C-alpha atoms as a PDB file:
ATOM      1  CA  UNK A   1     134.189 -58.923-203.529  1.00  0.00           C
ATOM      2  CA  UNK A   2     134.643 -59.532-207.513  1.00  0.00           C
ATOM      3  CA  UNK A   3     132.955 -61.780-209.865  1.00  0.00           C
ATOM      4  CA  UNK A   4     133.036 -62.682-213.409  1.00  0.00           C
ATOM      5  CA  UNK A   5     131.213 -60.883-216.373  1.00  0.00           C
ATOM      6  CA  UNK A   6     128.840 -63.943-218.446  1.00  0.00           C
ATOM      7  CA  UNK A   7     128.407 -61.025-221.343  1.00  0.00           C
ATOM      8  CA  UNK A   8     132.125 -61.526-221.495  1.00  0.00           C
ATOM      9  CA  UNK A   9     134.081 -63.730-223.866  1.00  0.00           C
ATOM     10  CA  UNK A  10     137.838 -64.388-222.574  1.00  0.00           C
ATOM     11  CA  UNK A  11     140.496 -62.203-224.431  1.00  0.00           C
ATOM     12  CA  UNK A  12     143.554 -64.847-224.551  1.00  0.00           C
ATOM     13  CA  UNK A  13     147.045 -62.599-223.881  1.00  0.00           C
ATOM     14  CA  UNK A  14     149.917 -63.143-225.077  1.00  0.00           C
ATOM     15  CA  UNK A  15     152.071 -63.183-222.194  1.00  0.00           C
ATOM     16  CA  UNK A  16     156.054 -64.095-222.198  1.00  0.00           C
ATOM     17  CA  UNK A  17     158.157 -65.204-218.589  1.00  0.00           C
ATOM     18  CA  UNK A  18     161.649 -63.981-217.578  1.00  0.00           C
ATOM     19  CA  UNK A  19     163.194 -66.265-215.190  1.00  0.00           C
ATOM     20  CA  UNK A  20     166.072 -64.170-213.466  1.00  0.00           C
ATOM     21  CA  UNK A  21     168.723 -66.574-212.305  1.00  0.00           C
ATOM     22  CA  UNK A  22     172.437 -66.670-212.075  1.00  0.00           C
ATOM     23  CA  UNK A  23     172.256 -70.386-211.209  1.00  0.00           C
ATOM     24  CA  UNK A  24     168.706 -71.958-213.181  1.00  0.00           C
ATOM     25  CA  UNK A  25     168.152 -73.608-216.284  1.00  0.00           C
ATOM     26  CA  UNK A  26     164.705 -74.616-218.168  1.00  0.00           C
ATOM     27  CA  UNK A  27     165.000 -77.843-216.504  1.00  0.00           C
ATOM     28  CA  UNK A  28     165.280 -76.735-212.838  1.00  0.00           C
ATOM     29  CA  UNK A  29     163.129 -73.047-213.433  1.00  0.00           C
ATOM     30  CA  UNK A  30     160.415 -74.471-211.014  1.00  0.00           C
ATOM     31  CA  UNK A  31     159.357 -70.678-210.539  1.00  0.00           C
ATOM     32  CA  UNK A  32     158.574 -70.283-214.515  1.00  0.00           C
ATOM     33  CA  UNK A  33     157.160 -73.550-214.653  1.00  0.00           C
ATOM     34  CA  UNK A  34     154.599 -72.576-212.575  1.00  0.00           C
ATOM     35  CA  UNK A  35     153.541 -69.549-214.104  1.00  0.00           C
ATOM     36  CA  UNK A  36     153.883 -71.318-217.596  1.00  0.00           C
ATOM     37  CA  UNK A  37     151.598 -73.913-215.851  1.00  0.00           C
ATOM     38  CA  UNK A  38     149.111 -71.170-215.010  1.00  0.00           C
ATOM     39  CA  UNK A  39     149.376 -69.129-217.947  1.00  0.00           C
ATOM     40  CA  UNK A  40     147.937 -72.212-219.961  1.00  0.00           C
ATOM     41  CA  UNK A  41     145.315 -73.189-217.791  1.00  0.00           C
ATOM     42  CA  UNK A  42     143.869 -69.799-218.010  1.00  0.00           C
ATOM     43  CA  UNK A  43     143.783 -69.952-221.605  1.00  0.00           C
ATOM     44  CA  UNK A  44     146.274 -67.408-222.665  1.00  0.00           C
ATOM     45  CA  UNK A  45     149.461 -67.862-225.226  1.00  0.00           C
ATOM     46  CA  UNK A  46     152.830 -68.312-224.017  1.00  0.00           C
ATOM     47  CA  UNK A  47     154.194 -65.856-226.189  1.00  0.00           C
ATOM     48  CA  UNK A  48     158.432 -66.449-225.363  1.00  0.00           C
ATOM     49  CA  UNK A  49     160.060 -67.546-222.288  1.00  0.00           C
ATOM     50  CA  UNK A  50     163.479 -67.167-221.015  1.00  0.00           C
ATOM     51  CA  UNK A  51     166.034 -67.348-218.731  1.00  0.00           C
ATOM     52  CA  UNK A  52     168.746 -64.655-218.118  1.00  0.00           C
ATOM     53  CA  UNK A  53     171.779 -63.801-215.370  1.00  0.00           C
ATOM     54  CA  UNK A  54     170.752 -61.176-212.721  1.00  0.00           C
ATOM     55  CA  UNK A  55     172.516 -58.918-214.912  1.00  0.00           C
ATOM     56  CA  UNK A  56     170.886 -55.124-215.145  1.00  0.00           C
ATOM     57  CA  UNK A  57     171.681 -55.088-218.889  1.00  0.00           C
ATOM     58  CA  UNK A  58     170.799 -58.296-219.578  1.00  0.00           C
ATOM     59  CA  UNK A  59     167.658 -57.719-217.929  1.00  0.00           C
ATOM     60  CA  UNK A  60     166.805 -54.638-219.448  1.00  0.00           C
ATOM     61  CA  UNK A  61     167.748 -56.139-222.939  1.00  0.00           C
ATOM     62  CA  UNK A  62     165.524 -58.818-222.825  1.00  0.00           C
ATOM     63  CA  UNK A  63     162.296 -56.928-221.524  1.00  0.00           C
ATOM     64  CA  UNK A  64     162.660 -53.922-224.042  1.00  0.00           C
ATOM     65  CA  UNK A  65     162.556 -56.174-226.776  1.00  0.00           C
ATOM     66  CA  UNK A  66     159.446 -57.966-225.466  1.00  0.00           C
ATOM     67  CA  UNK A  67     157.740 -54.719-224.925  1.00  0.00           C
ATOM     68  CA  UNK A  68     158.685 -53.462-228.222  1.00  0.00           C
ATOM     69  CA  UNK A  69     157.113 -56.516-229.542  1.00  0.00           C
ATOM     70  CA  UNK A  70     153.588 -55.844-230.783  1.00  0.00           C
ATOM     71  CA  UNK A  71     152.720 -59.664-229.988  1.00  0.00           C
ATOM     72  CA  UNK A  72     153.519 -59.265-226.591  1.00  0.00           C
ATOM     73  CA  UNK A  73     150.417 -58.075-224.144  1.00  0.00           C
ATOM     74  CA  UNK A  74     152.137 -59.071-220.783  1.00  0.00           C
ATOM     75  CA  UNK A  75     155.812 -59.558-219.156  1.00  0.00           C
ATOM     76  CA  UNK A  76     156.032 -61.609-215.882  1.00  0.00           C
ATOM     77  CA  UNK A  77     159.467 -61.778-214.475  1.00  0.00           C
ATOM     78  CA  UNK A  78     160.399 -63.880-211.466  1.00  0.00           C
ATOM     79  CA  UNK A  79     163.593 -63.586-209.224  1.00  0.00           C
ATOM     80  CA  UNK A  80     165.983 -60.896-208.275  1.00  0.00           C
ATOM     81  CA  UNK A  81     163.462 -58.827-206.378  1.00  0.00           C
ATOM     82  CA  UNK A  82     165.111 -59.289-202.839  1.00  0.00           C
ATOM     83  CA  UNK A  83     167.887 -57.197-201.273  1.00  0.00           C
ATOM     84  CA  UNK A  84     171.479 -59.425-202.031  1.00  0.00           C
ATOM     85  CA  UNK A  85     173.868 -57.782-203.925  1.00  0.00           C
ATOM     86  CA  UNK A  86     172.480 -59.703-207.072  1.00  0.00           C
ATOM     87  CA  UNK A  87     169.323 -58.909-206.716  1.00  0.00           C
ATOM     88  CA  UNK A  88     169.010 -56.446-209.635  1.00  0.00           C
ATOM     89  CA  UNK A  89     165.304 -56.354-211.155  1.00  0.00           C
ATOM     90  CA  UNK A  90     163.742 -53.502-209.926  1.00  0.00           C
ATOM     91  CA  UNK A  91     166.666 -51.611-210.990  1.00  0.00           C
ATOM     92  CA  UNK A  92     166.808 -53.275-214.652  1.00  0.00           C
ATOM     93  CA  UNK A  93     163.495 -52.915-215.154  1.00  0.00           C
ATOM     94  CA  UNK A  94     161.479 -50.475-213.555  1.00  0.00           C
ATOM     95  CA  UNK A  95     163.694 -47.248-215.600  1.00  0.00           C
ATOM     96  CA  UNK A  96     161.490 -48.827-218.922  1.00  0.00           C
ATOM     97  CA  UNK A  97     158.212 -47.875-217.161  1.00  0.00           C
ATOM     98  CA  UNK A  98     156.179 -45.554-218.471  1.00  0.00           C
ATOM     99  CA  UNK A  99     154.092 -45.654-215.612  1.00  0.00           C
ATOM    100  CA  UNK A 100     154.112 -47.520-212.425  1.00  0.00           C
ATOM    101  CA  UNK A 101     151.496 -49.483-210.566  1.00  0.00           C
ATOM    102  CA  UNK A 102     151.997 -49.028-207.160  1.00  0.00           C
ATOM    103  CA  UNK A 103     149.060 -51.055-206.288  1.00  0.00           C
ATOM    104  CA  UNK A 104     150.463 -54.672-207.147  1.00  0.00           C
ATOM    105  CA  UNK A 105     153.297 -54.370-204.788  1.00  0.00           C
ATOM    106  CA  UNK A 106     150.672 -53.319-201.950  1.00  0.00           C
ATOM    107  CA  UNK A 107     148.469 -56.160-202.902  1.00  0.00           C
ATOM    108  CA  UNK A 108     150.905 -58.851-203.369  1.00  0.00           C
ATOM    109  CA  UNK A 109     152.415 -57.902-199.764  1.00  0.00           C
ATOM    110  CA  UNK A 110     149.146 -58.255-198.160  1.00  0.00           C
ATOM    111  CA  UNK A 111     148.822 -61.503-199.952  1.00  0.00           C
ATOM    112  CA  UNK A 112     151.911 -62.416-199.136  1.00  0.00           C
ATOM    113  CA  UNK A 113     151.897 -61.236-195.572  1.00  0.00           C
ATOM    114  CA  UNK A 114     149.026 -63.468-194.701  1.00  0.00           C
ATOM    115  CA  UNK A 115     151.304 -66.816-195.663  1.00  0.00           C
ATOM    116  CA  UNK A 116     155.146 -66.168-194.994  1.00  0.00           C
ATOM    117  CA  UNK A 117     154.049 -63.149-192.418  1.00  0.00           C
ATOM    118  CA  UNK A 118     156.715 -60.379-192.356  1.00  0.00           C
ATOM    119  CA  UNK A 119     159.151 -61.847-194.310  1.00  0.00           C
ATOM    120  CA  UNK A 120     157.447 -60.600-197.363  1.00  0.00           C
ATOM    121  CA  UNK A 121     159.539 -57.053-196.449  1.00  0.00           C
ATOM    122  CA  UNK A 122     162.357 -59.132-198.028  1.00  0.00           C
ATOM    123  CA  UNK A 123     160.680 -58.865-201.431  1.00  0.00           C
ATOM    124  CA  UNK A 124     160.759 -55.731-203.862  1.00  0.00           C
ATOM    125  CA  UNK A 125     157.789 -57.148-206.077  1.00  0.00           C
ATOM    126  CA  UNK A 126     157.037 -54.465-208.805  1.00  0.00           C
ATOM    127  CA  UNK A 127     155.140 -53.432-211.467  1.00  0.00           C
ATOM    128  CA  UNK A 128     154.368 -50.981-214.424  1.00  0.00           C
ATOM    129  CA  UNK A 129     153.201 -50.197-218.178  1.00  0.00           C
ATOM    130  CA  UNK A 130     155.410 -49.848-220.834  1.00  0.00           C
ATOM    131  CA  UNK A 131     154.662 -49.323-224.627  1.00  0.00           C
ATOM    132  CA  UNK A 132     151.197 -50.544-224.054  1.00  0.00           C
ATOM    133  CA  UNK A 133     152.764 -53.644-222.332  1.00  0.00           C
ATOM    134  CA  UNK A 134     151.873 -54.818-218.541  1.00  0.00           C
ATOM    135  CA  UNK A 135     155.193 -55.879-217.068  1.00  0.00           C
ATOM    136  CA  UNK A 136     155.033 -57.710-213.404  1.00  0.00           C
ATOM    137  CA  UNK A 137     158.347 -58.748-211.253  1.00  0.00           C
ATOM    138  CA  UNK A 138     157.804 -61.099-208.975  1.00  0.00           C
ATOM    139  CA  UNK A 139     160.055 -63.019-206.568  1.00  0.00           C
ATOM    140  CA  UNK A 140     161.792 -66.258-207.628  1.00  0.00           C
ATOM    141  CA  UNK A 141     159.765 -68.800-205.409  1.00  0.00           C
ATOM    142  CA  UNK A 142     157.547 -71.342-206.607  1.00  0.00           C
ATOM    143  CA  UNK A 143     154.863 -69.991-203.714  1.00  0.00           C
ATOM    144  CA  UNK A 144     155.344 -65.818-204.480  1.00  0.00           C
ATOM    145  CA  UNK A 145     154.577 -67.139-208.237  1.00  0.00           C
ATOM    146  CA  UNK A 146     151.392 -69.013-207.340  1.00  0.00           C
ATOM    147  CA  UNK A 147     150.406 -66.161-205.135  1.00  0.00           C
ATOM    148  CA  UNK A 148     150.624 -63.341-207.361  1.00  0.00           C
ATOM    149  CA  UNK A 149     149.301 -65.497-210.373  1.00  0.00           C
ATOM    150  CA  UNK A 150     146.511 -67.477-208.293  1.00  0.00           C
ATOM    151  CA  UNK A 151     145.773 -63.928-205.791  1.00  0.00           C
ATOM    152  CA  UNK A 152     146.071 -61.364-208.782  1.00  0.00           C
ATOM    153  CA  UNK A 153     147.542 -61.600-211.809  1.00  0.00           C
ATOM    154  CA  UNK A 154     144.787 -64.388-213.030  1.00  0.00           C
ATOM    155  CA  UNK A 155     141.876 -62.058-212.467  1.00  0.00           C
ATOM    156  CA  UNK A 156     143.503 -58.946-213.302  1.00  0.00           C
ATOM    157  CA  UNK A 157     144.417 -60.180-216.718  1.00  0.00           C
ATOM    158  CA  UNK A 158     140.907 -61.771-217.570  1.00  0.00           C
ATOM    159  CA  UNK A 159     138.436 -59.672-219.063  1.00  0.00           C
ATOM    160  CA  UNK A 160     135.201 -61.184-217.699  1.00  0.00           C
ATOM    161  CA  UNK A 161     136.720 -60.310-213.975  1.00  0.00           C
ATOM    162  CA  UNK A 162     134.367 -57.628-212.388  1.00  0.00           C
ATOM    163  CA  UNK A 163     133.824 -54.789-211.326  1.00  0.00           C
ATOM    164  CA  UNK A 164     137.467 -53.982-213.545  1.00  0.00           C
ATOM    165  CA  UNK A 165     140.221 -55.302-214.990  1.00  0.00           C
ATOM    166  CA  UNK A 166     143.725 -55.027-216.820  1.00  0.00           C
ATOM    167  CA  UNK A 167     142.230 -56.341-220.176  1.00  0.00           C
ATOM    168  CA  UNK A 168     139.841 -53.794-220.300  1.00  0.00           C
ATOM    169  CA  UNK A 169     141.844 -50.704-220.325  1.00  0.00           C
ATOM    170  CA  UNK A 170     144.828 -52.646-222.868  1.00  0.00           C
ATOM    171  CA  UNK A 171     143.295 -51.128-226.004  1.00  0.00           C
ATOM    172  CA  UNK A 172     143.762 -47.460-224.198  1.00  0.00           C
ATOM    173  CA  UNK A 173     147.358 -48.138-222.313  1.00  0.00           C
ATOM    174  CA  UNK A 174     149.003 -46.402-225.613  1.00  0.00           C
ATOM    175  CA  UNK A 175     146.116 -44.151-227.022  1.00  0.00           C
ATOM    176  CA  UNK A 176     148.031 -40.749-226.472  1.00  0.00           C
ATOM    177  CA  UNK A 177     149.930 -42.582-229.395  1.00  0.00           C
ATOM    178  CA  UNK A 178     146.772 -42.858-231.008  1.00  0.00           C
ATOM    179  CA  UNK A 179     147.619 -46.509-231.920  1.00  0.00           C
ATOM    180  CA  UNK A 180     145.889 -49.455-229.972  1.00  0.00           C
ATOM    181  CA  UNK A 181     147.481 -52.848-229.406  1.00  0.00           C
ATOM    182  CA  UNK A 182     144.807 -55.045-228.750  1.00  0.00           C
ATOM    183  CA  UNK A 183     140.972 -54.498-229.381  1.00  0.00           C
ATOM    184  CA  UNK A 184     138.956 -56.493-226.906  1.00  0.00           C
ATOM    185  CA  UNK A 185     135.260 -57.720-228.439  1.00  0.00           C
ATOM    186  CA  UNK A 186     131.768 -55.788-228.266  1.00  0.00           C
END
Protein backbone atom coordinates (compact mmCIF):
# COMPACT_ATOMS: atom_id res chain seq x y z
CA UNK A 1 0.00 0.00 0.00
CA UNK A 2 2.52 2.63 1.07
CA UNK A 3 6.21 2.58 1.85
CA UNK A 4 9.09 4.76 2.90
CA UNK A 5 11.70 6.01 0.47
CA UNK A 6 15.31 5.43 1.46
CA UNK A 7 16.46 8.04 -1.08
CA UNK A 8 14.79 11.00 0.61
CA UNK A 9 16.03 12.74 3.75
CA UNK A 10 13.49 13.48 6.49
CA UNK A 11 12.35 17.11 6.59
CA UNK A 12 11.21 18.22 10.05
CA UNK A 13 8.16 20.46 9.98
CA UNK A 14 7.15 23.18 12.44
CA UNK A 15 3.78 22.13 13.84
CA UNK A 16 1.48 24.19 16.09
CA UNK A 17 -1.05 22.42 18.32
CA UNK A 18 -4.27 24.06 19.44
CA UNK A 19 -6.59 22.50 22.00
CA UNK A 20 -10.10 23.90 21.88
CA UNK A 21 -11.88 23.46 25.19
CA UNK A 22 -13.76 25.43 27.83
CA UNK A 23 -12.51 23.10 30.55
CA UNK A 24 -8.95 21.98 29.77
CA UNK A 25 -5.69 23.47 31.00
CA UNK A 26 -2.18 22.39 30.05
CA UNK A 27 -1.92 20.06 33.06
CA UNK A 28 -4.90 17.92 31.99
CA UNK A 29 -4.78 18.34 28.20
CA UNK A 30 -4.45 14.65 27.31
CA UNK A 31 -5.31 15.15 23.64
CA UNK A 32 -2.84 18.00 23.18
CA UNK A 33 -0.19 15.98 25.01
CA UNK A 34 -0.87 13.00 22.73
CA UNK A 35 -0.20 15.15 19.67
CA UNK A 36 2.87 16.89 21.14
CA UNK A 37 4.44 13.55 22.09
CA UNK A 38 3.84 12.11 18.64
CA UNK A 39 5.13 15.22 16.87
CA UNK A 40 8.40 15.01 18.82
CA UNK A 41 8.71 11.23 18.36
CA UNK A 42 8.36 11.67 14.59
CA UNK A 43 11.20 14.22 14.56
CA UNK A 44 9.15 17.35 13.94
CA UNK A 45 9.39 20.62 15.86
CA UNK A 46 6.62 21.97 18.06
CA UNK A 47 6.24 25.53 16.75
CA UNK A 48 3.71 26.56 19.40
CA UNK A 49 0.97 25.21 21.60
CA UNK A 50 -2.12 26.86 23.02
CA UNK A 51 -5.48 26.17 24.62
CA UNK A 52 -8.44 28.39 23.76
CA UNK A 53 -12.12 28.26 24.70
CA UNK A 54 -14.86 27.11 22.33
CA UNK A 55 -15.35 30.55 20.79
CA UNK A 56 -15.37 31.16 17.03
CA UNK A 57 -13.46 34.44 17.07
CA UNK A 58 -10.85 33.30 19.59
CA UNK A 59 -10.17 30.10 17.64
CA UNK A 60 -10.02 31.91 14.30
CA UNK A 61 -7.63 34.61 15.56
CA UNK A 62 -5.22 32.01 17.01
CA UNK A 63 -5.18 29.87 13.85
CA UNK A 64 -4.98 32.92 11.56
CA UNK A 65 -1.92 34.07 13.50
CA UNK A 66 -0.21 30.74 12.94
CA UNK A 67 -1.04 30.56 9.24
CA UNK A 68 0.37 34.09 8.84
CA UNK A 69 3.61 32.95 10.50
CA UNK A 70 6.14 31.69 7.92
CA UNK A 71 7.67 29.61 10.74
CA UNK A 72 4.58 27.39 11.03
CA UNK A 73 4.07 24.67 8.41
CA UNK A 74 1.17 22.77 9.98
CA UNK A 75 -1.59 23.51 12.48
CA UNK A 76 -3.35 20.66 14.25
CA UNK A 77 -6.36 21.37 16.41
CA UNK A 78 -8.12 19.04 18.82
CA UNK A 79 -11.64 19.55 20.12
CA UNK A 80 -14.80 21.31 19.10
CA UNK A 81 -15.68 19.12 16.11
CA UNK A 82 -18.88 17.60 17.49
CA UNK A 83 -22.48 18.76 17.31
CA UNK A 84 -23.14 20.42 20.67
CA UNK A 85 -23.79 24.12 20.86
CA UNK A 86 -20.22 24.79 22.02
CA UNK A 87 -18.60 22.75 19.20
CA UNK A 88 -17.58 25.50 16.77
CA UNK A 89 -14.16 24.52 15.43
CA UNK A 90 -15.24 23.91 11.80
CA UNK A 91 -17.23 27.17 11.80
CA UNK A 92 -14.17 29.03 13.10
CA UNK A 93 -11.52 27.50 10.84
CA UNK A 94 -13.13 26.47 7.55
CA UNK A 95 -13.62 30.11 6.41
CA UNK A 96 -9.82 30.44 6.55
CA UNK A 97 -9.29 27.58 4.06
CA UNK A 98 -8.14 28.47 0.58
CA UNK A 99 -8.56 24.81 -0.34
CA UNK A 100 -10.53 22.21 1.54
CA UNK A 101 -9.11 18.71 1.97
CA UNK A 102 -12.22 16.53 1.61
CA UNK A 103 -10.22 13.30 1.62
CA UNK A 104 -8.92 13.88 5.15
CA UNK A 105 -12.37 13.68 6.68
CA UNK A 106 -13.21 10.62 4.60
CA UNK A 107 -10.07 8.73 5.58
CA UNK A 108 -10.39 9.80 9.22
CA UNK A 109 -13.95 8.46 9.32
CA UNK A 110 -12.93 5.19 7.67
CA UNK A 111 -10.28 4.64 10.34
CA UNK A 112 -12.61 5.75 13.12
CA UNK A 113 -15.45 3.52 11.91
CA UNK A 114 -13.21 0.49 12.31
CA UNK A 115 -12.68 1.42 15.97
CA UNK A 116 -15.90 3.04 17.18
CA UNK A 117 -18.42 2.09 14.51
CA UNK A 118 -21.18 4.50 13.61
CA UNK A 119 -20.24 6.80 16.49
CA UNK A 120 -17.73 8.32 14.04
CA UNK A 121 -20.69 10.24 12.62
CA UNK A 122 -20.50 12.49 15.69
CA UNK A 123 -17.26 14.06 14.45
CA UNK A 124 -16.87 16.86 11.94
CA UNK A 125 -13.12 16.35 11.51
CA UNK A 126 -11.94 18.63 8.74
CA UNK A 127 -8.77 19.84 7.05
CA UNK A 128 -7.57 22.35 4.50
CA UNK A 129 -4.80 24.63 3.34
CA UNK A 130 -4.43 28.35 4.01
CA UNK A 131 -1.44 30.56 3.25
CA UNK A 132 0.73 27.52 2.42
CA UNK A 133 -0.06 25.99 5.82
CA UNK A 134 -1.80 22.67 6.36
CA UNK A 135 -4.60 22.72 8.94
CA UNK A 136 -6.06 19.55 10.46
CA UNK A 137 -8.97 19.63 12.90
CA UNK A 138 -9.31 16.50 15.00
CA UNK A 139 -11.88 15.57 17.63
CA UNK A 140 -11.05 16.20 21.29
CA UNK A 141 -10.47 12.65 22.50
CA UNK A 142 -6.95 11.24 22.92
CA UNK A 143 -8.05 8.20 20.89
CA UNK A 144 -9.12 10.35 17.96
CA UNK A 145 -5.82 12.25 18.13
CA UNK A 146 -3.90 8.97 18.15
CA UNK A 147 -5.91 7.70 15.17
CA UNK A 148 -5.49 10.94 13.21
CA UNK A 149 -1.76 11.09 13.85
CA UNK A 150 -0.81 7.40 13.76
CA UNK A 151 -2.94 6.44 10.78
CA UNK A 152 -2.77 9.58 8.61
CA UNK A 153 -0.58 12.48 9.65
CA UNK A 154 2.62 10.66 10.62
CA UNK A 155 2.76 9.32 7.06
CA UNK A 156 1.58 12.35 5.11
CA UNK A 157 3.87 14.69 7.06
CA UNK A 158 6.94 12.59 6.20
CA UNK A 159 8.66 13.33 2.88
CA UNK A 160 9.88 9.74 2.74
CA UNK A 161 6.32 8.38 2.53
CA UNK A 162 5.53 6.86 -0.86
CA UNK A 163 3.88 7.14 -3.27
CA UNK A 164 3.24 10.76 -2.25
CA UNK A 165 2.93 13.01 0.80
CA UNK A 166 2.09 16.56 1.86
CA UNK A 167 5.70 17.55 2.52
CA UNK A 168 6.87 17.24 -1.08
CA UNK A 169 4.15 19.60 -2.29
CA UNK A 170 4.51 22.11 0.57
CA UNK A 171 6.83 24.39 -1.45
CA UNK A 172 4.20 24.52 -4.20
CA UNK A 173 1.16 25.37 -2.08
CA UNK A 174 1.65 29.06 -2.63
CA UNK A 175 3.24 28.98 -6.10
CA UNK A 176 0.39 31.15 -7.36
CA UNK A 177 1.89 33.85 -5.11
CA UNK A 178 5.41 33.24 -6.48
CA UNK A 179 6.96 32.54 -3.10
CA UNK A 180 7.92 29.27 -1.49
CA UNK A 181 7.64 28.49 2.20
CA UNK A 182 9.74 25.36 2.52
CA UNK A 183 12.34 23.99 0.20
CA UNK A 184 12.80 20.25 0.52
CA UNK A 185 16.28 18.86 -0.07
CA UNK A 186 16.85 17.52 -3.56
